[in-house]
Amino acid sequence: MEQPPPPPYRKIADAIRHRVATGELTPGDRVPSTRRITQEWGVAMATATKVLTTLRQEGLVRVVPGVGTVVAEPQRTARRGGPVRERRARETDSGLSRESVVRAGIKVADAEGLRALSMRRVAAEFGVSSMALYRHVAGKDELVLLMADAAFLDVELPRPAPDGWRARMEAGARLQWELYRRHPWLAQHLSITRPQPMPRAMALIEWTMARVRGMDPVTLIHMALTLLGFVLSTAAGFEDDLEAEQETGMDQEQWMATMEPTFEGILASGSYPMYAGVSAIGEDVVNQDSLFEFGLARLLDGMEALVGRPGGGGEVGVGVDGSDAGNGADDGVGRDGGDGGDGGDGG
């Protein structure tokens, strides 16, 4: 009986290995991106992704942020010519714990994106088999949930905390924005329709909304989730940009430069005056940060109309200048979910 042919991803991986073995590709050289693989071999994106994942797990290639996937440095050899085997940490090593596994998962996801995360990939950070990780986490789903909640430990609440409801909501939105910038995968993982049990994230939202008073619970939670949804949707592009940069080796500015002639040809028709008007400015006036700033201001403007209307809520004991007319105590929530002091628990 004839043996079935190897799957396409293996044949492509073999071809790239051959290029490395023959010196066509040397350490530091970029290997074909997933997009290039789909074009050169006529396979689907999923197959192309599996090719690079296989080569990365073998240690033949590595991801360099801002460059793409490149050929890795060869393993050192022993004096007698044999390969030097890296020490494989035992499952009982003190370096392998629930916390260290979560930290390693965050490291991988920050550098390579959530799609590249797997139990095997995280295990490679410790030099152990993926089975060793199951002593500490039940699987990838639990690992990602733990990673997401742990990421919120990065948030440092400002002290003193903003007193006014608008300033507090704005501060909370900015804290989230910077968090999603540091962890590009996080925004796409979080869900409003299927919220995950994440106490630290919930504590930040409580802190963000703590100065809005007089609202019924349903209205208040709608305000909170509307703000959260805006920040999440705007920040979702962080991971898309990370993955695109790894695949193409170009950052956003470089990619836009390559697209400029095409866009200029489209705008030359005169059918797109709005786009042409922005293009004529010649500066980077539209980007993720500008979209966040514009959208946040307009969103809070709308909230102000709700909070400021008769019977619409607002703040208790607020002076003419918007400052707290009471004793200045912060009714926010610390990151552990408990009552915070002035400014919450920023530790």
C-alpha atoms as a PDB file:
ATOM      1  CA  MET A   1       0.000   0.000   0.000  1.00  0.00           C
ATOM      2  CA  GLU A   2       1.348   3.377  -0.970  1.00  0.00           C
ATOM      3  CA  GLN A   3       2.144   5.792   1.794  1.00  0.00           C
ATOM      4  CA  PRO A   4      -0.015   8.929   1.673  1.00  0.00           C
ATOM      5  CA  PRO A   5       1.887  12.052   0.614  1.00  0.00           C
ATOM      6  CA  PRO A   6       3.024  14.336   3.426  1.00  0.00           C
ATOM      7  CA  PRO A   7       0.706  17.234   4.248  1.00  0.00           C
ATOM      8  CA  PRO A   8       1.453  20.477   2.416  1.00  0.00           C
ATOM      9  CA  TYR A   9       2.797  22.259   5.480  1.00  0.00           C
ATOM     10  CA  ARG A  10       5.503  19.596   5.921  1.00  0.00           C
ATOM     11  CA  LYS A  11       6.607  19.891   2.303  1.00  0.00           C
ATOM     12  CA  ILE A  12       6.874  23.664   2.610  1.00  0.00           C
ATOM     13  CA  ALA A  13       8.719  23.415   5.939  1.00  0.00           C
ATOM     14  CA  ASP A  14      11.160  20.967   4.308  1.00  0.00           C
ATOM     15  CA  ALA A  15      11.759  23.429   1.472  1.00  0.00           C
ATOM     16  CA  ILE A  16      12.574  26.240   3.900  1.00  0.00           C
ATOM     17  CA  ARG A  17      14.826  23.927   5.935  1.00  0.00           C
ATOM     18  CA  HIS A  18      16.685  23.115   2.692  1.00  0.00           C
ATOM     19  CA  ARG A  19      17.245  26.809   2.021  1.00  0.00           C
ATOM     20  CA  VAL A  20      18.760  27.178   5.466  1.00  0.00           C
ATOM     21  CA  ALA A  21      20.875  24.030   5.180  1.00  0.00           C
ATOM     22  CA  THR A  22      22.328  25.085   1.815  1.00  0.00           C
ATOM     23  CA  GLY A  23      23.120  28.597   3.003  1.00  0.00           C
ATOM     24  CA  GLU A  24      20.527  30.293   0.828  1.00  0.00           C
ATOM     25  CA  LEU A  25      19.109  31.621   4.085  1.00  0.00           C
ATOM     26  CA  THR A  26      21.585  32.425   6.852  1.00  0.00           C
ATOM     27  CA  PRO A  27      21.069  33.370  10.520  1.00  0.00           C
ATOM     28  CA  GLY A  28      19.260  36.682  10.749  1.00  0.00           C
ATOM     29  CA  ASP A  29      17.775  36.442   7.243  1.00  0.00           C
ATOM     30  CA  ARG A  30      14.003  36.788   6.975  1.00  0.00           C
ATOM     31  CA  VAL A  31      12.199  33.628   5.980  1.00  0.00           C
ATOM     32  CA  PRO A  32       9.069  33.803   3.814  1.00  0.00           C
ATOM     33  CA  SER A  33       6.166  35.397   5.685  1.00  0.00           C
ATOM     34  CA  THR A  34       2.800  33.677   5.887  1.00  0.00           C
ATOM     35  CA  ARG A  35       1.569  35.923   3.085  1.00  0.00           C
ATOM     36  CA  ARG A  36       4.588  35.058   0.923  1.00  0.00           C
ATOM     37  CA  ILE A  37       4.075  31.358   1.596  1.00  0.00           C
ATOM     38  CA  THR A  38       0.448  31.552   0.463  1.00  0.00           C
ATOM     39  CA  GLN A  39       1.571  33.250  -2.737  1.00  0.00           C
ATOM     40  CA  GLU A  40       4.589  31.043  -3.471  1.00  0.00           C
ATOM     41  CA  TRP A  41       3.008  27.680  -2.691  1.00  0.00           C
ATOM     42  CA  GLY A  42      -0.673  28.472  -3.238  1.00  0.00           C
ATOM     43  CA  VAL A  43      -1.845  27.314   0.200  1.00  0.00           C
ATOM     44  CA  ALA A  44      -4.271  28.757   2.722  1.00  0.00           C
ATOM     45  CA  MET A  45      -3.185  31.184   5.455  1.00  0.00           C
ATOM     46  CA  ALA A  46      -3.780  28.526   8.118  1.00  0.00           C
ATOM     47  CA  THR A  47      -1.307  26.199   6.373  1.00  0.00           C
ATOM     48  CA  ALA A  48       1.257  28.985   6.058  1.00  0.00           C
ATOM     49  CA  THR A  49       0.892  29.775   9.759  1.00  0.00           C
ATOM     50  CA  LYS A  50       1.443  26.106  10.625  1.00  0.00           C
ATOM     51  CA  VAL A  51       4.659  26.107   8.596  1.00  0.00           C
ATOM     52  CA  LEU A  52       6.199  28.949  10.579  1.00  0.00           C
ATOM     53  CA  THR A  53       4.877  27.558  13.861  1.00  0.00           C
ATOM     54  CA  THR A  54       6.536  24.197  13.122  1.00  0.00           C
ATOM     55  CA  LEU A  55       9.867  25.804  12.259  1.00  0.00           C
ATOM     56  CA  ARG A  56       9.694  28.046  15.325  1.00  0.00           C
ATOM     57  CA  GLN A  57       8.986  25.092  17.623  1.00  0.00           C
ATOM     58  CA  GLU A  58      12.018  23.325  16.142  1.00  0.00           C
ATOM     59  CA  GLY A  59      14.157  26.345  16.967  1.00  0.00           C
ATOM     60  CA  LEU A  60      15.088  26.899  13.323  1.00  0.00           C
ATOM     61  CA  VAL A  61      13.485  30.351  13.184  1.00  0.00           C
ATOM     62  CA  ARG A  62      12.514  33.021  15.653  1.00  0.00           C
ATOM     63  CA  VAL A  63      10.308  36.116  15.641  1.00  0.00           C
ATOM     64  CA  VAL A  64      11.980  39.523  15.824  1.00  0.00           C
ATOM     65  CA  PRO A  65       9.514  42.338  16.593  1.00  0.00           C
ATOM     66  CA  GLY A  66       9.640  44.986  13.892  1.00  0.00           C
ATOM     67  CA  VAL A  67      11.460  42.655  11.495  1.00  0.00           C
ATOM     68  CA  GLY A  68       9.516  39.430  11.110  1.00  0.00           C
ATOM     69  CA  THR A  69      10.458  35.754  11.289  1.00  0.00           C
ATOM     70  CA  VAL A  70      14.178  35.189  10.766  1.00  0.00           C
ATOM     71  CA  VAL A  71      16.580  32.245  10.772  1.00  0.00           C
ATOM     72  CA  ALA A  72      17.758  31.572  14.313  1.00  0.00           C
ATOM     73  CA  GLU A  73      21.396  31.258  15.327  1.00  0.00           C
ATOM     74  CA  PRO A  74      22.575  27.628  15.145  1.00  0.00           C
ATOM     75  CA  GLN A  75      23.003  25.639  18.342  1.00  0.00           C
ATOM     76  CA  ARG A  76      26.428  25.688  19.893  1.00  0.00           C
ATOM     77  CA  THR A  77      28.458  22.516  19.401  1.00  0.00           C
ATOM     78  CA  ALA A  78      30.485  20.639  21.958  1.00  0.00           C
ATOM     79  CA  ARG A  79      34.280  20.325  21.709  1.00  0.00           C
ATOM     80  CA  ARG A  80      34.025  16.895  20.113  1.00  0.00           C
ATOM     81  CA  GLY A  81      31.568  18.117  17.532  1.00  0.00           C
ATOM     82  CA  GLY A  82      28.353  16.882  19.145  1.00  0.00           C
ATOM     83  CA  PRO A  83      25.467  19.254  19.742  1.00  0.00           C
ATOM     84  CA  VAL A  84      25.230  20.837  23.139  1.00  0.00           C
ATOM     85  CA  ARG A  85      21.946  19.805  24.659  1.00  0.00           C
ATOM     86  CA  GLU A  86      20.149  22.485  26.519  1.00  0.00           C
ATOM     87  CA  ARG A  87      19.291  21.520  30.051  1.00  0.00           C
ATOM     88  CA  ARG A  88      15.667  20.407  30.262  1.00  0.00           C
ATOM     89  CA  ALA A  89      14.204  21.688  33.468  1.00  0.00           C
ATOM     90  CA  ARG A  90      12.562  19.018  35.558  1.00  0.00           C
ATOM     91  CA  GLU A  91       8.908  19.290  36.325  1.00  0.00           C
ATOM     92  CA  THR A  92       9.865  19.704  39.973  1.00  0.00           C
ATOM     93  CA  ASP A  93      12.137  22.701  39.270  1.00  0.00           C
ATOM     94  CA  SER A  94      11.256  25.700  41.405  1.00  0.00           C
ATOM     95  CA  GLY A  95      11.161  27.871  38.277  1.00  0.00           C
ATOM     96  CA  LEU A  96       7.995  26.151  37.080  1.00  0.00           C
ATOM     97  CA  SER A  97       4.934  27.354  38.954  1.00  0.00           C
ATOM     98  CA  ARG A  98       1.474  28.674  38.189  1.00  0.00           C
ATOM     99  CA  GLU A  99       2.737  32.251  38.384  1.00  0.00           C
ATOM    100  CA  SER A 100       5.815  31.627  36.230  1.00  0.00           C
ATOM    101  CA  VAL A 101       3.745  29.832  33.595  1.00  0.00           C
ATOM    102  CA  VAL A 102       1.371  32.809  33.440  1.00  0.00           C
ATOM    103  CA  ARG A 103       4.295  35.254  33.151  1.00  0.00           C
ATOM    104  CA  ALA A 104       5.822  33.174  30.357  1.00  0.00           C
ATOM    105  CA  GLY A 105       2.481  33.103  28.549  1.00  0.00           C
ATOM    106  CA  ILE A 106       2.249  36.897  28.737  1.00  0.00           C
ATOM    107  CA  LYS A 107       5.794  37.191  27.395  1.00  0.00           C
ATOM    108  CA  VAL A 108       5.010  34.997  24.397  1.00  0.00           C
ATOM    109  CA  ALA A 109       1.697  36.709  23.636  1.00  0.00           C
ATOM    110  CA  ASP A 110       3.216  40.198  23.944  1.00  0.00           C
ATOM    111  CA  ALA A 111       5.959  39.346  21.442  1.00  0.00           C
ATOM    112  CA  GLU A 112       4.185  37.024  19.026  1.00  0.00           C
ATOM    113  CA  GLY A 113       0.441  37.536  19.468  1.00  0.00           C
ATOM    114  CA  LEU A 114      -2.229  35.329  20.981  1.00  0.00           C
ATOM    115  CA  ARG A 115      -2.443  33.103  17.894  1.00  0.00           C
ATOM    116  CA  ALA A 116       1.130  31.967  18.472  1.00  0.00           C
ATOM    117  CA  LEU A 117       0.380  31.009  22.075  1.00  0.00           C
ATOM    118  CA  SER A 118       0.119  27.303  22.827  1.00  0.00           C
ATOM    119  CA  MET A 119       0.965  25.079  25.747  1.00  0.00           C
ATOM    120  CA  ARG A 120       3.879  23.703  23.748  1.00  0.00           C
ATOM    121  CA  ARG A 121       5.166  27.188  22.933  1.00  0.00           C
ATOM    122  CA  VAL A 122       5.054  28.249  26.615  1.00  0.00           C
ATOM    123  CA  ALA A 123       6.680  24.982  27.683  1.00  0.00           C
ATOM    124  CA  ALA A 124       9.557  25.756  25.334  1.00  0.00           C
ATOM    125  CA  GLU A 125      10.319  28.831  27.454  1.00  0.00           C
ATOM    126  CA  PHE A 126      11.183  26.454  30.329  1.00  0.00           C
ATOM    127  CA  GLY A 127      12.702  23.635  28.286  1.00  0.00           C
ATOM    128  CA  VAL A 128      10.050  21.151  29.450  1.00  0.00           C
ATOM    129  CA  SER A 129       7.333  19.152  27.771  1.00  0.00           C
ATOM    130  CA  SER A 130       3.901  20.709  27.466  1.00  0.00           C
ATOM    131  CA  MET A 131       2.553  18.023  29.829  1.00  0.00           C
ATOM    132  CA  ALA A 132       4.578  19.585  32.650  1.00  0.00           C
ATOM    133  CA  LEU A 133       2.465  22.731  32.416  1.00  0.00           C
ATOM    134  CA  TYR A 134      -0.758  20.850  33.107  1.00  0.00           C
ATOM    135  CA  ARG A 135       0.330  20.457  36.727  1.00  0.00           C
ATOM    136  CA  HIS A 136      -0.208  24.202  37.069  1.00  0.00           C
ATOM    137  CA  VAL A 137      -2.944  25.174  34.579  1.00  0.00           C
ATOM    138  CA  ALA A 138      -5.787  23.117  33.143  1.00  0.00           C
ATOM    139  CA  GLY A 139      -5.141  24.143  29.544  1.00  0.00           C
ATOM    140  CA  LYS A 140      -4.764  27.048  27.159  1.00  0.00           C
ATOM    141  CA  ASP A 141      -8.186  28.545  27.936  1.00  0.00           C
ATOM    142  CA  GLU A 142      -7.429  28.790  31.638  1.00  0.00           C
ATOM    143  CA  LEU A 143      -3.923  30.039  30.925  1.00  0.00           C
ATOM    144  CA  VAL A 144      -5.184  32.915  28.768  1.00  0.00           C
ATOM    145  CA  LEU A 145      -7.772  33.843  31.396  1.00  0.00           C
ATOM    146  CA  LEU A 146      -5.083  33.931  34.087  1.00  0.00           C
ATOM    147  CA  MET A 147      -2.810  35.932  31.789  1.00  0.00           C
ATOM    148  CA  ALA A 148      -5.516  38.507  31.143  1.00  0.00           C
ATOM    149  CA  ASP A 149      -6.309  38.994  34.825  1.00  0.00           C
ATOM    150  CA  ALA A 150      -2.607  39.135  35.736  1.00  0.00           C
ATOM    151  CA  ALA A 151      -2.006  41.797  33.084  1.00  0.00           C
ATOM    152  CA  PHE A 152      -4.202  44.172  35.074  1.00  0.00           C
ATOM    153  CA  LEU A 153      -1.585  44.069  37.833  1.00  0.00           C
ATOM    154  CA  ASP A 154       0.334  46.488  35.590  1.00  0.00           C
ATOM    155  CA  VAL A 155      -2.266  49.174  36.225  1.00  0.00           C
ATOM    156  CA  GLU A 156      -1.162  51.829  38.708  1.00  0.00           C
ATOM    157  CA  LEU A 157      -4.022  54.006  39.888  1.00  0.00           C
ATOM    158  CA  PRO A 158      -3.173  57.708  40.079  1.00  0.00           C
ATOM    159  CA  ARG A 159      -2.801  59.339  43.475  1.00  0.00           C
ATOM    160  CA  PRO A 160      -4.652  61.431  44.277  1.00  0.00           C
ATOM    161  CA  ALA A 161      -7.499  60.015  42.232  1.00  0.00           C
ATOM    162  CA  PRO A 162      -9.474  62.447  40.034  1.00  0.00           C
ATOM    163  CA  ASP A 163     -12.511  63.768  41.918  1.00  0.00           C
ATOM    164  CA  GLY A 164     -14.927  64.670  39.128  1.00  0.00           C
ATOM    165  CA  TRP A 165     -16.925  61.935  37.418  1.00  0.00           C
ATOM    166  CA  ARG A 166     -15.695  62.924  33.948  1.00  0.00           C
ATOM    167  CA  ALA A 167     -12.056  63.152  34.988  1.00  0.00           C
ATOM    168  CA  ARG A 168     -12.347  59.762  36.708  1.00  0.00           C
ATOM    169  CA  MET A 169     -13.924  58.070  33.665  1.00  0.00           C
ATOM    170  CA  GLU A 170     -11.308  59.645  31.405  1.00  0.00           C
ATOM    171  CA  ALA A 171      -8.493  58.459  33.680  1.00  0.00           C
ATOM    172  CA  GLY A 172      -9.913  54.932  33.739  1.00  0.00           C
ATOM    173  CA  ALA A 173     -10.159  54.859  29.950  1.00  0.00           C
ATOM    174  CA  ARG A 174      -6.555  56.025  29.602  1.00  0.00           C
ATOM    175  CA  LEU A 175      -5.321  53.403  32.051  1.00  0.00           C
ATOM    176  CA  GLN A 176      -7.001  50.728  29.934  1.00  0.00           C
ATOM    177  CA  TRP A 177      -5.625  52.189  26.698  1.00  0.00           C
ATOM    178  CA  GLU A 178      -2.042  52.119  27.924  1.00  0.00           C
ATOM    179  CA  LEU A 179      -2.541  48.603  29.286  1.00  0.00           C
ATOM    180  CA  TYR A 180      -3.747  47.344  25.887  1.00  0.00           C
ATOM    181  CA  ARG A 181      -0.816  49.064  24.218  1.00  0.00           C
ATOM    182  CA  ARG A 182       1.610  47.165  26.468  1.00  0.00           C
ATOM    183  CA  HIS A 183      -0.254  43.891  25.884  1.00  0.00           C
ATOM    184  CA  PRO A 184      -1.553  44.089  22.282  1.00  0.00           C
ATOM    185  CA  TRP A 185      -3.413  40.755  22.522  1.00  0.00           C
ATOM    186  CA  LEU A 186      -5.460  41.698  25.573  1.00  0.00           C
ATOM    187  CA  ALA A 187      -8.149  43.886  24.002  1.00  0.00           C
ATOM    188  CA  GLN A 188      -9.195  41.211  21.508  1.00  0.00           C
ATOM    189  CA  HIS A 189      -9.407  38.590  24.261  1.00  0.00           C
ATOM    190  CA  LEU A 190     -11.775  40.520  26.523  1.00  0.00           C
ATOM    191  CA  SER A 191     -15.488  40.221  25.829  1.00  0.00           C
ATOM    192  CA  ILE A 192     -18.510  42.290  26.792  1.00  0.00           C
ATOM    193  CA  THR A 193     -21.111  39.792  25.567  1.00  0.00           C
ATOM    194  CA  ARG A 194     -19.405  36.869  27.341  1.00  0.00           C
ATOM    195  CA  PRO A 195     -17.572  38.527  30.224  1.00  0.00           C
ATOM    196  CA  GLN A 196     -14.812  36.549  31.877  1.00  0.00           C
ATOM    197  CA  PRO A 197     -14.457  36.298  35.677  1.00  0.00           C
ATOM    198  CA  MET A 198     -11.527  38.693  36.173  1.00  0.00           C
ATOM    199  CA  PRO A 199     -11.543  40.404  39.599  1.00  0.00           C
ATOM    200  CA  ARG A 200      -8.688  42.812  38.841  1.00  0.00           C
ATOM    201  CA  ALA A 201     -10.301  44.036  35.639  1.00  0.00           C
ATOM    202  CA  MET A 202     -13.648  44.406  37.409  1.00  0.00           C
ATOM    203  CA  ALA A 203     -11.975  46.444  40.167  1.00  0.00           C
ATOM    204  CA  LEU A 204     -10.582  48.887  37.595  1.00  0.00           C
ATOM    205  CA  ILE A 205     -14.024  49.405  36.067  1.00  0.00           C
ATOM    206  CA  GLU A 206     -15.503  49.964  39.550  1.00  0.00           C
ATOM    207  CA  TRP A 207     -12.819  52.575  40.227  1.00  0.00           C
ATOM    208  CA  THR A 208     -13.515  54.242  36.869  1.00  0.00           C
ATOM    209  CA  MET A 209     -17.224  54.656  37.633  1.00  0.00           C
ATOM    210  CA  ALA A 210     -16.954  55.421  41.370  1.00  0.00           C
ATOM    211  CA  ARG A 211     -17.595  59.196  41.058  1.00  0.00           C
ATOM    212  CA  VAL A 212     -20.823  58.904  39.071  1.00  0.00           C
ATOM    213  CA  ARG A 213     -23.665  59.264  41.570  1.00  0.00           C
ATOM    214  CA  GLY A 214     -27.413  59.101  41.483  1.00  0.00           C
ATOM    215  CA  MET A 215     -27.665  56.671  38.564  1.00  0.00           C
ATOM    216  CA  ASP A 216     -29.726  53.527  38.801  1.00  0.00           C
ATOM    217  CA  PRO A 217     -27.616  50.340  38.517  1.00  0.00           C
ATOM    218  CA  VAL A 218     -28.753  49.513  34.968  1.00  0.00           C
ATOM    219  CA  THR A 219     -27.861  52.951  33.623  1.00  0.00           C
ATOM    220  CA  LEU A 220     -24.542  52.938  35.458  1.00  0.00           C
ATOM    221  CA  ILE A 221     -23.496  49.557  34.062  1.00  0.00           C
ATOM    222  CA  HIS A 222     -24.515  50.698  30.570  1.00  0.00           C
ATOM    223  CA  MET A 223     -22.282  53.748  30.962  1.00  0.00           C
ATOM    224  CA  ALA A 224     -19.410  51.543  32.133  1.00  0.00           C
ATOM    225  CA  LEU A 225     -19.751  49.008  29.332  1.00  0.00           C
ATOM    226  CA  THR A 226     -20.176  51.679  26.662  1.00  0.00           C
ATOM    227  CA  LEU A 227     -16.869  53.209  27.740  1.00  0.00           C
ATOM    228  CA  LEU A 228     -15.219  49.796  27.968  1.00  0.00           C
ATOM    229  CA  GLY A 229     -16.533  48.786  24.547  1.00  0.00           C
ATOM    230  CA  PHE A 230     -15.148  51.935  22.939  1.00  0.00           C
ATOM    231  CA  VAL A 231     -11.664  51.420  24.378  1.00  0.00           C
ATOM    232  CA  LEU A 232     -11.619  47.703  23.498  1.00  0.00           C
ATOM    233  CA  SER A 233     -12.759  48.201  19.916  1.00  0.00           C
ATOM    234  CA  THR A 234     -10.271  50.991  19.285  1.00  0.00           C
ATOM    235  CA  ALA A 235      -7.416  49.026  20.891  1.00  0.00           C
ATOM    236  CA  ALA A 236      -8.210  45.835  18.960  1.00  0.00           C
ATOM    237  CA  GLY A 237      -5.958  47.097  16.176  1.00  0.00           C
ATOM    238  CA  PHE A 238      -2.861  46.744  18.378  1.00  0.00           C
ATOM    239  CA  GLU A 239      -2.660  42.969  17.889  1.00  0.00           C
ATOM    240  CA  ASP A 240      -3.623  43.199  14.217  1.00  0.00           C
ATOM    241  CA  ASP A 241      -0.733  45.600  13.690  1.00  0.00           C
ATOM    242  CA  LEU A 242       1.663  43.375  15.667  1.00  0.00           C
ATOM    243  CA  GLU A 243       0.828  40.321  13.554  1.00  0.00           C
ATOM    244  CA  ALA A 244       0.983  42.294  10.304  1.00  0.00           C
ATOM    245  CA  GLU A 245       4.389  43.673  11.275  1.00  0.00           C
ATOM    246  CA  GLN A 246       5.687  40.174  11.973  1.00  0.00           C
ATOM    247  CA  GLU A 247       4.375  38.870   8.665  1.00  0.00           C
ATOM    248  CA  THR A 248       5.574  41.742   6.489  1.00  0.00           C
ATOM    249  CA  GLY A 249       8.589  43.018   8.417  1.00  0.00           C
ATOM    250  CA  MET A 250       7.197  46.552   8.030  1.00  0.00           C
ATOM    251  CA  ASP A 251       5.786  48.801  10.709  1.00  0.00           C
ATOM    252  CA  GLN A 252       2.627  50.785  10.037  1.00  0.00           C
ATOM    253  CA  GLU A 253       4.486  53.836   8.714  1.00  0.00           C
ATOM    254  CA  GLN A 254       6.567  51.742   6.313  1.00  0.00           C
ATOM    255  CA  TRP A 255       3.504  49.865   5.098  1.00  0.00           C
ATOM    256  CA  MET A 256       1.596  53.091   4.470  1.00  0.00           C
ATOM    257  CA  ALA A 257       4.563  54.390   2.474  1.00  0.00           C
ATOM    258  CA  THR A 258       4.358  51.382   0.152  1.00  0.00           C
ATOM    259  CA  MET A 259       0.611  51.959  -0.289  1.00  0.00           C
ATOM    260  CA  GLU A 260       0.944  55.683  -0.970  1.00  0.00           C
ATOM    261  CA  PRO A 261       1.200  55.454  -4.792  1.00  0.00           C
ATOM    262  CA  THR A 262      -1.947  53.309  -4.914  1.00  0.00           C
ATOM    263  CA  PHE A 263      -3.915  55.686  -2.712  1.00  0.00           C
ATOM    264  CA  GLU A 264      -2.698  58.680  -4.703  1.00  0.00           C
ATOM    265  CA  GLY A 265      -4.025  57.074  -7.866  1.00  0.00           C
ATOM    266  CA  ILE A 266      -7.437  56.562  -6.250  1.00  0.00           C
ATOM    267  CA  LEU A 267      -7.625  60.111  -4.894  1.00  0.00           C
ATOM    268  CA  ALA A 268      -6.601  61.599  -8.226  1.00  0.00           C
ATOM    269  CA  SER A 269     -10.042  60.730  -9.571  1.00  0.00           C
ATOM    270  CA  GLY A 270     -11.553  63.544  -7.505  1.00  0.00           C
ATOM    271  CA  SER A 271     -14.314  61.262  -6.214  1.00  0.00           C
ATOM    272  CA  TYR A 272     -13.092  61.241  -2.635  1.00  0.00           C
ATOM    273  CA  PRO A 273     -12.810  64.878  -1.436  1.00  0.00           C
ATOM    274  CA  MET A 274     -12.849  64.006   2.276  1.00  0.00           C
ATOM    275  CA  TYR A 275      -9.904  61.618   1.965  1.00  0.00           C
ATOM    276  CA  ALA A 276      -8.090  63.975  -0.387  1.00  0.00           C
ATOM    277  CA  GLY A 277      -8.440  66.800   2.124  1.00  0.00           C
ATOM    278  CA  VAL A 278      -6.714  64.750   4.818  1.00  0.00           C
ATOM    279  CA  SER A 279      -4.040  63.529   2.414  1.00  0.00           C
ATOM    280  CA  ALA A 280      -3.195  67.110   1.462  1.00  0.00           C
ATOM    281  CA  ILE A 281      -2.219  67.898   5.063  1.00  0.00           C
ATOM    282  CA  GLY A 282       0.829  65.693   4.689  1.00  0.00           C
ATOM    283  CA  GLU A 283       1.041  64.789   8.382  1.00  0.00           C
ATOM    284  CA  ASP A 284       0.016  61.759  10.376  1.00  0.00           C
ATOM    285  CA  VAL A 285      -3.187  63.293  11.679  1.00  0.00           C
ATOM    286  CA  VAL A 286      -5.229  60.079  11.703  1.00  0.00           C
ATOM    287  CA  ASN A 287      -3.895  57.181  13.772  1.00  0.00           C
ATOM    288  CA  GLN A 288      -4.980  54.957  16.640  1.00  0.00           C
ATOM    289  CA  ASP A 289      -4.111  57.583  19.238  1.00  0.00           C
ATOM    290  CA  SER A 290      -6.036  60.343  17.458  1.00  0.00           C
ATOM    291  CA  LEU A 291      -9.045  58.054  17.060  1.00  0.00           C
ATOM    292  CA  PHE A 292      -8.915  57.232  20.767  1.00  0.00           C
ATOM    293  CA  GLU A 293      -8.602  60.882  21.826  1.00  0.00           C
ATOM    294  CA  PHE A 294     -11.401  62.085  19.541  1.00  0.00           C
ATOM    295  CA  GLY A 295     -13.757  59.236  20.385  1.00  0.00           C
ATOM    296  CA  LEU A 296     -13.164  59.453  24.131  1.00  0.00           C
ATOM    297  CA  ALA A 297     -13.894  63.191  24.213  1.00  0.00           C
ATOM    298  CA  ARG A 298     -17.101  62.816  22.189  1.00  0.00           C
ATOM    299  CA  LEU A 299     -18.229  59.852  24.269  1.00  0.00           C
ATOM    300  CA  LEU A 300     -17.752  61.759  27.517  1.00  0.00           C
ATOM    301  CA  ASP A 301     -19.567  64.733  26.007  1.00  0.00           C
ATOM    302  CA  GLY A 302     -22.552  62.457  25.514  1.00  0.00           C
ATOM    303  CA  MET A 303     -22.252  61.099  29.057  1.00  0.00           C
ATOM    304  CA  GLU A 304     -22.224  64.680  30.352  1.00  0.00           C
ATOM    305  CA  ALA A 305     -25.588  65.310  28.743  1.00  0.00           C
ATOM    306  CA  LEU A 306     -26.930  62.282  30.609  1.00  0.00           C
ATOM    307  CA  VAL A 307     -25.313  62.988  33.975  1.00  0.00           C
ATOM    308  CA  GLY A 308     -26.115  66.694  33.910  1.00  0.00           C
ATOM    309  CA  ARG A 309     -29.809  66.507  33.049  1.00  0.00           C
ATOM    310  CA  PRO A 310     -32.398  66.964  35.826  1.00  0.00           C
ATOM    311  CA  GLY A 311     -32.689  63.725  37.770  1.00  0.00           C
ATOM    312  CA  GLY A 312     -29.892  62.290  35.717  1.00  0.00           C
ATOM    313  CA  GLY A 313     -27.497  61.749  38.569  1.00  0.00           C
ATOM    314  CA  GLY A 314     -24.120  63.380  38.880  1.00  0.00           C
ATOM    315  CA  GLU A 315     -21.925  63.752  41.914  1.00  0.00           C
ATOM    316  CA  VAL A 316     -22.739  64.226  45.567  1.00  0.00           C
ATOM    317  CA  GLY A 317     -21.161  67.222  47.265  1.00  0.00           C
ATOM    318  CA  VAL A 318     -19.386  68.671  44.251  1.00  0.00           C
ATOM    319  CA  GLY A 319     -18.279  72.277  44.368  1.00  0.00           C
ATOM    320  CA  VAL A 320     -18.640  74.869  41.628  1.00  0.00           C
ATOM    321  CA  ASP A 321     -15.182  74.057  40.281  1.00  0.00           C
ATOM    322  CA  GLY A 322     -16.015  70.357  40.055  1.00  0.00           C
ATOM    323  CA  SER A 323     -13.896  69.395  43.054  1.00  0.00           C
ATOM    324  CA  ASP A 324     -15.146  67.273  45.922  1.00  0.00           C
ATOM    325  CA  ALA A 325     -16.782  69.537  48.503  1.00  0.00           C
ATOM    326  CA  GLY A 326     -16.719  66.795  51.107  1.00  0.00           C
ATOM    327  CA  ASN A 327     -13.767  65.294  52.914  1.00  0.00           C
ATOM    328  CA  GLY A 328     -12.013  64.191  49.711  1.00  0.00           C
ATOM    329  CA  ALA A 329     -12.217  60.503  50.520  1.00  0.00           C
ATOM    330  CA  ASP A 330     -11.983  58.207  47.528  1.00  0.00           C
ATOM    331  CA  ASP A 331     -14.860  55.800  47.151  1.00  0.00           C
ATOM    332  CA  GLY A 332     -12.983  53.819  44.525  1.00  0.00           C
ATOM    333  CA  VAL A 333     -12.014  50.194  44.662  1.00  0.00           C
ATOM    334  CA  GLY A 334      -8.494  48.867  45.048  1.00  0.00           C
ATOM    335  CA  ARG A 335      -7.097  46.308  42.652  1.00  0.00           C
ATOM    336  CA  ASP A 336      -7.763  43.526  45.102  1.00  0.00           C
ATOM    337  CA  GLY A 337     -11.479  44.334  44.969  1.00  0.00           C
ATOM    338  CA  GLY A 338     -11.502  45.904  48.446  1.00  0.00           C
ATOM    339  CA  ASP A 339     -12.252  49.483  49.419  1.00  0.00           C
ATOM    340  CA  GLY A 340      -9.501  51.811  48.345  1.00  0.00           C
ATOM    341  CA  GLY A 341      -8.073  54.734  50.225  1.00  0.00           C
ATOM    342  CA  ASP A 342      -7.465  58.049  48.533  1.00  0.00           C
ATOM    343  CA  GLY A 343      -6.744  57.052  44.939  1.00  0.00           C
ATOM    344  CA  GLY A 344      -7.345  53.357  45.510  1.00  0.00           C
ATOM    345  CA  ASP A 345      -4.653  50.777  45.881  1.00  0.00           C
ATOM    346  CA  GLY A 346      -2.038  51.666  43.339  1.00  0.00           C
ATOM    347  CA  GLY A 347       0.461  49.152  44.633  1.00  0.00           C
END
